[in-house]
PDB file of all heavy atoms in Angstrom:
ATOM      1  N   GLY A   1     104.012  98.415 126.635  1.00  0.00           N
ATOM      2  CA  GLY A   1     104.926  97.290 126.498  1.00  0.00           C
ATOM      3  C   GLY A   1     104.424  96.244 125.526  1.00  0.00           C
ATOM      4  O   GLY A   1     105.208  95.640 124.784  1.00  0.00           O
ATOM      5  N   GLY A   2     103.116  96.012 125.515  1.00  0.00           N
ATOM      6  CA  GLY A   2     102.544  95.065 124.574  1.00  0.00           C
ATOM      7  C   GLY A   2     102.714  95.528 123.138  1.00  0.00           C
ATOM      8  O   GLY A   2     103.053  94.740 122.244  1.00  0.00           O
ATOM      9  N   ARG A   3     102.488  96.816 122.893  1.00  0.00           N
ATOM     10  CA  ARG A   3     102.661  97.352 121.545  1.00  0.00           C
ATOM     11  C   ARG A   3     104.121  97.241 121.093  1.00  0.00           C
ATOM     12  O   ARG A   3     104.412  96.861 119.952  1.00  0.00           O
ATOM     13  CB  ARG A   3     102.190  98.805 121.498  1.00  0.00           C
ATOM     14  CG  ARG A   3     100.680  98.970 121.626  1.00  0.00           C
ATOM     15  CD  ARG A   3     100.247 100.403 121.428  1.00  0.00           C
ATOM     16  NE  ARG A   3     100.586 101.252 122.561  1.00  0.00           N
ATOM     17  CZ  ARG A   3      99.813 101.419 123.633  1.00  0.00           C
ATOM     18  NH1 ARG A   3      98.659 100.779 123.726  1.00  0.00           N
ATOM     19  NH2 ARG A   3     100.176 102.221 124.616  1.00  0.00           N
ATOM     20  N   VAL A   4     105.031  97.567 121.994  1.00  0.00           N
ATOM     21  CA  VAL A   4     106.451  97.467 121.668  1.00  0.00           C
ATOM     22  C   VAL A   4     106.823  96.023 121.342  1.00  0.00           C
ATOM     23  O   VAL A   4     107.569  95.756 120.397  1.00  0.00           O
ATOM     24  CB  VAL A   4     107.315  98.009 122.832  1.00  0.00           C
ATOM     25  CG1 VAL A   4     108.784  97.659 122.641  1.00  0.00           C
ATOM     26  CG2 VAL A   4     107.151  99.516 122.951  1.00  0.00           C
ATOM     27  N   GLY A   5     106.291  95.081 122.118  1.00  0.00           N
ATOM     28  CA  GLY A   5     106.601  93.674 121.887  1.00  0.00           C
ATOM     29  C   GLY A   5     106.148  93.167 120.534  1.00  0.00           C
ATOM     30  O   GLY A   5     106.888  92.444 119.853  1.00  0.00           O
ATOM     31  N   PHE A   6     104.966  93.541 120.106  1.00  0.00           N
ATOM     32  CA  PHE A   6     104.473  93.097 118.802  1.00  0.00           C
ATOM     33  C   PHE A   6     105.214  93.792 117.664  1.00  0.00           C
ATOM     34  O   PHE A   6     105.524  93.176 116.641  1.00  0.00           O
ATOM     35  CB  PHE A   6     102.968  93.348 118.694  1.00  0.00           C
ATOM     36  CG  PHE A   6     102.135  92.270 119.310  1.00  0.00           C
ATOM     37  CD1 PHE A   6     101.824  92.294 120.666  1.00  0.00           C
ATOM     38  CD2 PHE A   6     101.664  91.210 118.547  1.00  0.00           C
ATOM     39  CE1 PHE A   6     101.058  91.289 121.247  1.00  0.00           C
ATOM     40  CE2 PHE A   6     100.890  90.203 119.115  1.00  0.00           C
ATOM     41  CZ  PHE A   6     100.591  90.240 120.474  1.00  0.00           C
ATOM     42  N   LEU A   7     105.499  95.069 117.832  1.00  0.00           N
ATOM     43  CA  LEU A   7     106.217  95.804 116.795  1.00  0.00           C
ATOM     44  C   LEU A   7     107.685  95.409 116.710  1.00  0.00           C
ATOM     45  O   LEU A   7     108.337  95.651 115.678  1.00  0.00           O
ATOM     46  CB  LEU A   7     106.114  97.309 117.063  1.00  0.00           C
ATOM     47  CG  LEU A   7     104.779  97.967 116.694  1.00  0.00           C
ATOM     48  CD1 LEU A   7     104.663  99.327 117.374  1.00  0.00           C
ATOM     49  CD2 LEU A   7     104.649  98.119 115.177  1.00  0.00           C
ATOM     50  N   ALA A   8     108.219  94.803 117.762  1.00  0.00           N
ATOM     51  CA  ALA A   8     109.635  94.437 117.763  1.00  0.00           C
ATOM     52  C   ALA A   8     109.986  93.551 116.573  1.00  0.00           C
ATOM     53  O   ALA A   8     111.082  93.657 116.011  1.00  0.00           O
ATOM     54  CB  ALA A   8     109.992  93.734 119.069  1.00  0.00           C
ATOM     55  N   TRP A   9     109.062  92.665 116.168  1.00  0.00           N
ATOM     56  CA  TRP A   9     109.358  91.784 115.037  1.00  0.00           C
ATOM     57  C   TRP A   9     109.504  92.572 113.738  1.00  0.00           C
ATOM     58  O   TRP A   9     110.311  92.209 112.861  1.00  0.00           O
ATOM     59  CB  TRP A   9     108.284  90.704 114.901  1.00  0.00           C
ATOM     60  CG  TRP A   9     108.364  89.679 115.977  1.00  0.00           C
ATOM     61  CD1 TRP A   9     107.500  89.502 117.019  1.00  0.00           C
ATOM     62  CD2 TRP A   9     109.385  88.685 116.139  1.00  0.00           C
ATOM     63  NE1 TRP A   9     107.916  88.459 117.821  1.00  0.00           N
ATOM     64  CE2 TRP A   9     109.064  87.936 117.299  1.00  0.00           C
ATOM     65  CE3 TRP A   9     110.536  88.355 115.422  1.00  0.00           C
ATOM     66  CZ2 TRP A   9     109.864  86.885 117.744  1.00  0.00           C
ATOM     67  CZ3 TRP A   9     111.334  87.311 115.870  1.00  0.00           C
ATOM     68  CH2 TRP A   9     110.992  86.583 117.014  1.00  0.00           C
ATOM     69  N   VAL A  10     108.755  93.648 113.588  1.00  0.00           N
ATOM     70  CA  VAL A  10     108.941  94.524 112.431  1.00  0.00           C
ATOM     71  C   VAL A  10     110.314  95.179 112.513  1.00  0.00           C
ATOM     72  O   VAL A  10     111.061  95.245 111.510  1.00  0.00           O
ATOM     73  CB  VAL A  10     107.839  95.600 112.374  1.00  0.00           C
ATOM     74  CG1 VAL A  10     108.057  96.542 111.187  1.00  0.00           C
ATOM     75  CG2 VAL A  10     106.461  94.957 112.300  1.00  0.00           C
ATOM     76  N   THR A  11     110.666  95.660 113.686  1.00  0.00           N
ATOM     77  CA  THR A  11     111.975  96.275 113.902  1.00  0.00           C
ATOM     78  C   THR A  11     113.090  95.305 113.553  1.00  0.00           C
ATOM     79  O   THR A  11     114.058  95.657 112.859  1.00  0.00           O
ATOM     80  CB  THR A  11     112.110  96.719 115.366  1.00  0.00           C
ATOM     81  OG1 THR A  11     111.015  97.555 115.719  1.00  0.00           O
ATOM     82  CG2 THR A  11     113.414  97.460 115.589  1.00  0.00           C
ATOM     83  N   TYR A  12     112.974  94.059 114.030  1.00  0.00           N
ATOM     84  CA  TYR A  12     114.019  93.067 113.787  1.00  0.00           C
ATOM     85  C   TYR A  12     114.136  92.736 112.303  1.00  0.00           C
ATOM     86  O   TYR A  12     115.238  92.534 111.779  1.00  0.00           O
ATOM     87  CB  TYR A  12     113.742  91.799 114.585  1.00  0.00           C
ATOM     88  CG  TYR A  12     113.753  91.984 116.092  1.00  0.00           C
ATOM     89  CD1 TYR A  12     113.215  91.023 116.940  1.00  0.00           C
ATOM     90  CD2 TYR A  12     114.295  93.129 116.674  1.00  0.00           C
ATOM     91  CE1 TYR A  12     113.218  91.193 118.316  1.00  0.00           C
ATOM     92  CE2 TYR A  12     114.306  93.305 118.045  1.00  0.00           C
ATOM     93  CZ  TYR A  12     113.767  92.336 118.864  1.00  0.00           C
ATOM     94  OH  TYR A  12     113.778  92.506 120.222  1.00  0.00           O
ATOM     95  N   ALA A  13     112.996  92.642 111.627  1.00  0.00           N
ATOM     96  CA  ALA A  13     113.026  92.339 110.196  1.00  0.00           C
ATOM     97  C   ALA A  13     113.789  93.423 109.439  1.00  0.00           C
ATOM     98  O   ALA A  13     114.629  93.129 108.574  1.00  0.00           O
ATOM     99  CB  ALA A  13     111.601  92.209 109.664  1.00  0.00           C
ATOM    100  N   LEU A  14     113.510  94.678 109.765  1.00  0.00           N
ATOM    101  CA  LEU A  14     114.178  95.777 109.076  1.00  0.00           C
ATOM    102  C   LEU A  14     115.659  95.858 109.445  1.00  0.00           C
ATOM    103  O   LEU A  14     116.523  96.071 108.575  1.00  0.00           O
ATOM    104  CB  LEU A  14     113.470  97.093 109.402  1.00  0.00           C
ATOM    105  CG  LEU A  14     112.067  97.248 108.802  1.00  0.00           C
ATOM    106  CD1 LEU A  14     111.355  98.459 109.406  1.00  0.00           C
ATOM    107  CD2 LEU A  14     112.138  97.379 107.280  1.00  0.00           C
ATOM    108  N   ALA A  15     115.981  95.687 110.722  1.00  0.00           N
ATOM    109  CA  ALA A  15     117.384  95.741 111.146  1.00  0.00           C
ATOM    110  C   ALA A  15     118.176  94.569 110.565  1.00  0.00           C
ATOM    111  O   ALA A  15     119.329  94.741 110.130  1.00  0.00           O
ATOM    112  CB  ALA A  15     117.468  95.735 112.668  1.00  0.00           C
ATOM    113  N   ALA A  16     117.580  93.388 110.540  1.00  0.00           N
ATOM    114  CA  ALA A  16     118.267  92.223 109.989  1.00  0.00           C
ATOM    115  C   ALA A  16     118.494  92.368 108.486  1.00  0.00           C
ATOM    116  O   ALA A  16     119.538  91.965 107.957  1.00  0.00           O
ATOM    117  CB  ALA A  16     117.465  90.961 110.285  1.00  0.00           C
ATOM    118  N   TRP A  17     117.515  92.939 107.795  1.00  0.00           N
ATOM    119  CA  TRP A  17     117.687  93.205 106.356  1.00  0.00           C
ATOM    120  C   TRP A  17     118.787  94.242 106.137  1.00  0.00           C
ATOM    121  O   TRP A  17     119.669  94.067 105.288  1.00  0.00           O
ATOM    122  CB  TRP A  17     116.362  93.691 105.777  1.00  0.00           C
ATOM    123  CG  TRP A  17     116.467  94.303 104.422  1.00  0.00           C
ATOM    124  CD1 TRP A  17     116.759  93.673 103.241  1.00  0.00           C
ATOM    125  CD2 TRP A  17     116.305  95.698 104.098  1.00  0.00           C
ATOM    126  NE1 TRP A  17     116.782  94.577 102.204  1.00  0.00           N
ATOM    127  CE2 TRP A  17     116.508  95.825 102.701  1.00  0.00           C
ATOM    128  CE3 TRP A  17     116.002  96.831 104.843  1.00  0.00           C
ATOM    129  CZ2 TRP A  17     116.417  97.054 102.048  1.00  0.00           C
ATOM    130  CZ3 TRP A  17     115.918  98.055 104.211  1.00  0.00           C
ATOM    131  CH2 TRP A  17     116.120  98.160 102.821  1.00  0.00           C
ATOM    132  N   ARG A  18     118.768  95.311 106.906  1.00  0.00           N
ATOM    133  CA  ARG A  18     119.811  96.341 106.814  1.00  0.00           C
ATOM    134  C   ARG A  18     121.198  95.756 107.034  1.00  0.00           C
ATOM    135  O   ARG A  18     122.162  96.106 106.337  1.00  0.00           O
ATOM    136  CB  ARG A  18     119.532  97.426 107.851  1.00  0.00           C
ATOM    137  CG  ARG A  18     120.597  98.525 107.947  1.00  0.00           C
ATOM    138  CD  ARG A  18     120.507  99.222 109.292  1.00  0.00           C
ATOM    139  NE  ARG A  18     120.800  98.315 110.388  1.00  0.00           N
ATOM    140  CZ  ARG A  18     120.459  98.535 111.669  1.00  0.00           C
ATOM    141  NH1 ARG A  18     119.779  99.613 111.989  1.00  0.00           N
ATOM    142  NH2 ARG A  18     120.782  97.665 112.604  1.00  0.00           N
ATOM    143  N   ASP A  19     121.313  94.834 108.007  1.00  0.00           N
ATOM    144  CA  ASP A  19     122.607  94.262 108.372  1.00  0.00           C
ATOM    145  C   ASP A  19     123.014  93.090 107.487  1.00  0.00           C
ATOM    146  O   ASP A  19     124.080  92.499 107.690  1.00  0.00           O
ATOM    147  CB  ASP A  19     122.577  93.809 109.836  1.00  0.00           C
ATOM    148  CG  ASP A  19     122.384  94.973 110.800  1.00  0.00           C
ATOM    149  OD1 ASP A  19     122.652  96.128 110.398  1.00  0.00           O
ATOM    150  OD2 ASP A  19     121.947  94.729 111.945  1.00  0.00           O
ATOM    151  N   GLY A  20     122.159  92.714 106.545  1.00  0.00           N
ATOM    152  CA  GLY A  20     122.499  91.639 105.615  1.00  0.00           C
ATOM    153  C   GLY A  20     122.287  90.235 106.139  1.00  0.00           C
ATOM    154  O   GLY A  20     122.799  89.271 105.576  1.00  0.00           O
ATOM    155  N   HIS A  21     121.503  90.087 107.211  1.00  0.00           N
ATOM    156  CA  HIS A  21     121.273  88.758 107.787  1.00  0.00           C
ATOM    157  C   HIS A  21     120.088  88.039 107.141  1.00  0.00           C
ATOM    158  O   HIS A  21     120.004  86.807 107.207  1.00  0.00           O
ATOM    159  CB  HIS A  21     121.048  88.865 109.293  1.00  0.00           C
ATOM    160  CG  HIS A  21     122.236  89.380 110.040  1.00  0.00           C
ATOM    161  ND1 HIS A  21     123.492  88.817 109.921  1.00  0.00           N
ATOM    162  CD2 HIS A  21     122.369  90.424 110.907  1.00  0.00           C
ATOM    163  CE1 HIS A  21     124.342  89.479 110.693  1.00  0.00           C
ATOM    164  NE2 HIS A  21     123.688  90.455 111.291  1.00  0.00           N
ATOM    165  N   ILE A  22     119.146  88.788 106.576  1.00  0.00           N
ATOM    166  CA  ILE A  22     118.049  88.188 105.823  1.00  0.00           C
ATOM    167  C   ILE A  22     117.861  88.995 104.540  1.00  0.00           C
ATOM    168  O   ILE A  22     118.266  90.161 104.453  1.00  0.00           O
ATOM    169  CB  ILE A  22     116.722  88.138 106.624  1.00  0.00           C
ATOM    170  CG1 ILE A  22     116.241  89.556 106.978  1.00  0.00           C
ATOM    171  CG2 ILE A  22     116.866  87.282 107.873  1.00  0.00           C
ATOM    172  CD1 ILE A  22     114.856  89.586 107.630  1.00  0.00           C
ATOM    173  N   SER A  23     117.249  88.374 103.560  1.00  0.00           N
ATOM    174  CA  SER A  23     117.008  89.038 102.281  1.00  0.00           C
ATOM    175  C   SER A  23     115.841  90.014 102.388  1.00  0.00           C
ATOM    176  O   SER A  23     115.055  89.975 103.341  1.00  0.00           O
ATOM    177  CB  SER A  23     116.705  88.000 101.205  1.00  0.00           C
ATOM    178  OG  SER A  23     115.471  87.350 101.506  1.00  0.00           O
ATOM    179  N   GLY A  24     115.721  90.867 101.375  1.00  0.00           N
ATOM    180  CA  GLY A  24     114.571  91.768 101.326  1.00  0.00           C
ATOM    181  C   GLY A  24     113.273  91.003 101.266  1.00  0.00           C
ATOM    182  O   GLY A  24     112.271  91.397 101.884  1.00  0.00           O
ATOM    183  N   GLU A  25     113.277  89.895 100.527  1.00  0.00           N
ATOM    184  CA  GLU A  25     112.072  89.064 100.434  1.00  0.00           C
ATOM    185  C   GLU A  25     111.676  88.507 101.795  1.00  0.00           C
ATOM    186  O   GLU A  25     110.492  88.510 102.162  1.00  0.00           O
ATOM    187  CB  GLU A  25     112.313  87.919  99.447  1.00  0.00           C
ATOM    188  CG  GLU A  25     111.120  87.013  99.249  1.00  0.00           C
ATOM    189  CD  GLU A  25     111.410  85.866  98.287  1.00  0.00           C
ATOM    190  OE1 GLU A  25     112.541  85.795  97.783  1.00  0.00           O
ATOM    191  OE2 GLU A  25     110.501  85.056  98.049  1.00  0.00           O
ATOM    192  N   LYS A  26     112.677  88.034 102.566  1.00  0.00           N
ATOM    193  CA  LYS A  26     112.387  87.505 103.903  1.00  0.00           C
ATOM    194  C   LYS A  26     111.929  88.620 104.842  1.00  0.00           C
ATOM    195  O   LYS A  26     111.083  88.399 105.712  1.00  0.00           O
ATOM    196  CB  LYS A  26     113.630  86.811 104.465  1.00  0.00           C
ATOM    197  CG  LYS A  26     113.993  85.501 103.777  1.00  0.00           C
ATOM    198  CD  LYS A  26     113.008  84.407 104.110  1.00  0.00           C
ATOM    199  CE  LYS A  26     113.385  83.074 103.480  1.00  0.00           C
ATOM    200  NZ  LYS A  26     114.644  82.510 104.002  1.00  0.00           N
ATOM    201  N   ALA A  27     112.490  89.797 104.672  1.00  0.00           N
ATOM    202  CA  ALA A  27     112.067  90.923 105.512  1.00  0.00           C
ATOM    203  C   ALA A  27     110.611  91.274 105.261  1.00  0.00           C
ATOM    204  O   ALA A  27     109.833  91.495 106.203  1.00  0.00           O
ATOM    205  CB  ALA A  27     112.962  92.134 105.255  1.00  0.00           C
ATOM    206  N   VAL A  28     110.224  91.317 103.981  1.00  0.00           N
ATOM    207  CA  VAL A  28     108.824  91.601 103.638  1.00  0.00           C
ATOM    208  C   VAL A  28     107.914  90.520 104.198  1.00  0.00           C
ATOM    209  O   VAL A  28     106.831  90.800 104.729  1.00  0.00           O
ATOM    210  CB  VAL A  28     108.665  91.721 102.114  1.00  0.00           C
ATOM    211  CG1 VAL A  28     107.186  91.777 101.729  1.00  0.00           C
ATOM    212  CG2 VAL A  28     109.398  92.962 101.602  1.00  0.00           C
ATOM    213  N   GLN A  29     108.360  89.263 104.106  1.00  0.00           N
ATOM    214  CA  GLN A  29     107.580  88.151 104.664  1.00  0.00           C
ATOM    215  C   GLN A  29     107.371  88.333 106.159  1.00  0.00           C
ATOM    216  O   GLN A  29     106.257  88.177 106.677  1.00  0.00           O
ATOM    217  CB  GLN A  29     108.317  86.836 104.406  1.00  0.00           C
ATOM    218  CG  GLN A  29     107.762  85.630 105.151  1.00  0.00           C
ATOM    219  CD  GLN A  29     108.660  84.405 105.004  1.00  0.00           C
ATOM    220  OE1 GLN A  29     108.793  83.858 103.910  1.00  0.00           O
ATOM    221  NE2 GLN A  29     109.296  83.983 106.096  1.00  0.00           N
ATOM    222  N   ALA A  30     108.444  88.673 106.880  1.00  0.00           N
ATOM    223  CA  ALA A  30     108.361  88.845 108.330  1.00  0.00           C
ATOM    224  C   ALA A  30     107.464  90.020 108.700  1.00  0.00           C
ATOM    225  O   ALA A  30     106.660  89.934 109.640  1.00  0.00           O
ATOM    226  CB  ALA A  30     109.757  89.043 108.911  1.00  0.00           C
ATOM    227  N   ILE A  31     107.589  91.113 107.981  1.00  0.00           N
ATOM    228  CA  ILE A  31     106.745  92.281 108.252  1.00  0.00           C
ATOM    229  C   ILE A  31     105.275  91.930 108.043  1.00  0.00           C
ATOM    230  O   ILE A  31     104.404  92.359 108.806  1.00  0.00           O
ATOM    231  CB  ILE A  31     107.167  93.461 107.359  1.00  0.00           C
ATOM    232  CG1 ILE A  31     108.560  93.948 107.767  1.00  0.00           C
ATOM    233  CG2 ILE A  31     106.156  94.601 107.444  1.00  0.00           C
ATOM    234  CD1 ILE A  31     109.197  94.904 106.790  1.00  0.00           C
ATOM    235  N   GLY A  32     104.999  91.107 107.039  1.00  0.00           N
ATOM    236  CA  GLY A  32     103.628  90.664 106.805  1.00  0.00           C
ATOM    237  C   GLY A  32     103.086  89.834 107.946  1.00  0.00           C
ATOM    238  O   GLY A  32     101.942  90.033 108.394  1.00  0.00           O
ATOM    239  N   ILE A  33     103.901  88.906 108.447  1.00  0.00           N
ATOM    240  CA  ILE A  33     103.472  88.065 109.571  1.00  0.00           C
ATOM    241  C   ILE A  33     103.220  88.931 110.803  1.00  0.00           C
ATOM    242  O   ILE A  33     102.189  88.805 111.478  1.00  0.00           O
ATOM    243  CB  ILE A  33     104.543  86.997 109.881  1.00  0.00           C
ATOM    244  CG1 ILE A  33     104.682  86.012 108.722  1.00  0.00           C
ATOM    245  CG2 ILE A  33     104.187  86.243 111.177  1.00  0.00           C
ATOM    246  CD1 ILE A  33     105.880  85.081 108.853  1.00  0.00           C
ATOM    247  N   ALA A  34     104.176  89.807 111.098  1.00  0.00           N
ATOM    248  CA  ALA A  34     104.034  90.665 112.277  1.00  0.00           C
ATOM    249  C   ALA A  34     102.829  91.589 112.150  1.00  0.00           C
ATOM    250  O   ALA A  34     102.100  91.815 113.130  1.00  0.00           O
ATOM    251  CB  ALA A  34     105.309  91.478 112.473  1.00  0.00           C
ATOM    252  N   THR A  35     102.605  92.107 110.957  1.00  0.00           N
ATOM    253  CA  THR A  35     101.491  93.040 110.766  1.00  0.00           C
ATOM    254  C   THR A  35     100.149  92.350 110.939  1.00  0.00           C
ATOM    255  O   THR A  35      99.211  92.926 111.512  1.00  0.00           O
ATOM    256  CB  THR A  35     101.586  93.696 109.376  1.00  0.00           C
ATOM    257  OG1 THR A  35     102.823  94.427 109.290  1.00  0.00           O
ATOM    258  CG2 THR A  35     100.418  94.649 109.133  1.00  0.00           C
ATOM    259  N   ARG A  36     100.027  91.130 110.495  1.00  0.00           N
ATOM    260  CA  ARG A  36      98.764  90.400 110.699  1.00  0.00           C
ATOM    261  C   ARG A  36      98.476  90.229 112.180  1.00  0.00           C
ATOM    262  O   ARG A  36      97.324  90.352 112.625  1.00  0.00           O
ATOM    263  CB  ARG A  36      98.828  89.041 109.996  1.00  0.00           C
ATOM    264  CG  ARG A  36      98.690  89.140 108.473  1.00  0.00           C
ATOM    265  CD  ARG A  36      98.466  87.794 107.835  1.00  0.00           C
ATOM    266  NE  ARG A  36      99.656  86.945 107.873  1.00  0.00           N
ATOM    267  CZ  ARG A  36     100.635  86.988 106.969  1.00  0.00           C
ATOM    268  NH1 ARG A  36     100.582  87.850 105.958  1.00  0.00           N
ATOM    269  NH2 ARG A  36     101.668  86.177 107.057  1.00  0.00           N
ATOM    270  N   ARG A  37      99.495  89.970 112.962  1.00  0.00           N
ATOM    271  CA  ARG A  37      99.308  89.856 114.409  1.00  0.00           C
ATOM    272  C   ARG A  37      98.935  91.213 115.016  1.00  0.00           C
ATOM    273  O   ARG A  37      98.082  91.299 115.914  1.00  0.00           O
ATOM    274  CB  ARG A  37     100.596  89.336 115.053  1.00  0.00           C
ATOM    275  CG  ARG A  37     100.973  87.928 114.623  1.00  0.00           C
ATOM    276  CD  ARG A  37     102.328  87.539 115.190  1.00  0.00           C
ATOM    277  NE  ARG A  37     102.752  86.217 114.762  1.00  0.00           N
ATOM    278  CZ  ARG A  37     103.963  85.696 115.009  1.00  0.00           C
ATOM    279  NH1 ARG A  37     104.846  86.409 115.685  1.00  0.00           N
ATOM    280  NH2 ARG A  37     104.268  84.494 114.571  1.00  0.00           N
ATOM    281  N   ILE A  38      99.573  92.261 114.538  1.00  0.00           N
ATOM    282  CA  ILE A  38      99.287  93.607 115.047  1.00  0.00           C
ATOM    283  C   ILE A  38      97.852  94.008 114.726  1.00  0.00           C
ATOM    284  O   ILE A  38      97.141  94.567 115.571  1.00  0.00           O
ATOM    285  CB  ILE A  38     100.295  94.616 114.453  1.00  0.00           C
ATOM    286  CG1 ILE A  38     101.697  94.343 115.020  1.00  0.00           C
ATOM    287  CG2 ILE A  38      99.875  96.049 114.739  1.00  0.00           C
ATOM    288  CD1 ILE A  38     102.818  95.053 114.279  1.00  0.00           C
ATOM    289  N   VAL A  39      97.413  93.722 113.509  1.00  0.00           N
ATOM    290  CA  VAL A  39      96.028  94.035 113.129  1.00  0.00           C
ATOM    291  C   VAL A  39      95.056  93.282 114.027  1.00  0.00           C
ATOM    292  O   VAL A  39      94.043  93.831 114.488  1.00  0.00           O
ATOM    293  CB  VAL A  39      95.786  93.683 111.647  1.00  0.00           C
ATOM    294  CG1 VAL A  39      94.294  93.733 111.323  1.00  0.00           C
ATOM    295  CG2 VAL A  39      96.555  94.634 110.741  1.00  0.00           C
ATOM    296  N   HIS A  40      95.369  92.027 114.314  1.00  0.00           N
ATOM    297  CA  HIS A  40      94.487  91.207 115.155  1.00  0.00           C
ATOM    298  C   HIS A  40      94.323  91.815 116.547  1.00  0.00           C
ATOM    299  O   HIS A  40      93.218  91.830 117.098  1.00  0.00           O
ATOM    300  CB  HIS A  40      95.048  89.794 115.264  1.00  0.00           C
ATOM    301  CG  HIS A  40      94.257  88.901 116.171  1.00  0.00           C
ATOM    302  ND1 HIS A  40      93.016  88.394 115.833  1.00  0.00           N
ATOM    303  CD2 HIS A  40      94.514  88.435 117.430  1.00  0.00           C
ATOM    304  CE1 HIS A  40      92.551  87.661 116.825  1.00  0.00           C
ATOM    305  NE2 HIS A  40      93.437  87.667 117.804  1.00  0.00           N
ATOM    306  N   HIS A  41      95.429  92.329 117.116  1.00  0.00           N
ATOM    307  CA  HIS A  41      95.387  92.809 118.498  1.00  0.00           C
ATOM    308  C   HIS A  41      95.157  94.309 118.623  1.00  0.00           C
ATOM    309  O   HIS A  41      94.651  94.780 119.652  1.00  0.00           O
ATOM    310  CB  HIS A  41      96.707  92.460 119.205  1.00  0.00           C
ATOM    311  CG  HIS A  41      96.879  91.004 119.478  1.00  0.00           C
ATOM    312  ND1 HIS A  41      96.213  90.352 120.484  1.00  0.00           N
ATOM    313  CD2 HIS A  41      97.643  90.064 118.865  1.00  0.00           C
ATOM    314  CE1 HIS A  41      96.562  89.067 120.496  1.00  0.00           C
ATOM    315  NE2 HIS A  41      97.427  88.872 119.523  1.00  0.00           N
ATOM    316  N   PHE A  42      95.530  95.075 117.593  1.00  0.00           N
ATOM    317  CA  PHE A  42      95.565  96.530 117.760  1.00  0.00           C
ATOM    318  C   PHE A  42      94.841  97.287 116.651  1.00  0.00           C
ATOM    319  O   PHE A  42      95.126  98.464 116.432  1.00  0.00           O
ATOM    320  CB  PHE A  42      97.024  97.014 117.793  1.00  0.00           C
ATOM    321  CG  PHE A  42      97.864  96.405 118.873  1.00  0.00           C
ATOM    322  CD1 PHE A  42      98.763  95.397 118.577  1.00  0.00           C
ATOM    323  CD2 PHE A  42      97.761  96.840 120.187  1.00  0.00           C
ATOM    324  CE1 PHE A  42      99.551  94.829 119.561  1.00  0.00           C
ATOM    325  CE2 PHE A  42      98.546  96.285 121.175  1.00  0.00           C
ATOM    326  CZ  PHE A  42      99.441  95.274 120.875  1.00  0.00           C
ATOM    327  N   SER A  43      93.922  96.664 115.981  1.00  0.00           N
ATOM    328  CA  SER A  43      93.266  97.325 114.845  1.00  0.00           C
ATOM    329  C   SER A  43      92.546  98.608 115.255  1.00  0.00           C
ATOM    330  O   SER A  43      92.404  99.533 114.455  1.00  0.00           O
ATOM    331  CB  SER A  43      92.281  96.372 114.160  1.00  0.00           C
ATOM    332  OG  SER A  43      91.279  95.960 115.074  1.00  0.00           O
ATOM    333  N   GLU A  44      92.095  98.675 116.517  1.00  0.00           N
ATOM    334  CA  GLU A  44      91.376  99.861 116.992  1.00  0.00           C
ATOM    335  C   GLU A  44      92.251 100.777 117.848  1.00  0.00           C
ATOM    336  O   GLU A  44      91.757 101.744 118.419  1.00  0.00           O
ATOM    337  CB  GLU A  44      90.154  99.423 117.809  1.00  0.00           C
ATOM    338  CG  GLU A  44      89.177  98.508 117.075  1.00  0.00           C
ATOM    339  CD  GLU A  44      88.608  99.173 115.825  1.00  0.00           C
ATOM    340  OE1 GLU A  44      88.365 100.389 115.879  1.00  0.00           O
ATOM    341  OE2 GLU A  44      88.434  98.476 114.804  1.00  0.00           O
TER     342      GLU A  44
END
């Protein structure tokens, strides 16, 4: 559940970009933020 929760922001960024709610640039920004958090908690 913890892994799903952190990855959800990546999912939302991609779905929102697909649906036209955020730009590709904003999606990349969000994926970067989410990935930094994922690396912090799940690097191993």
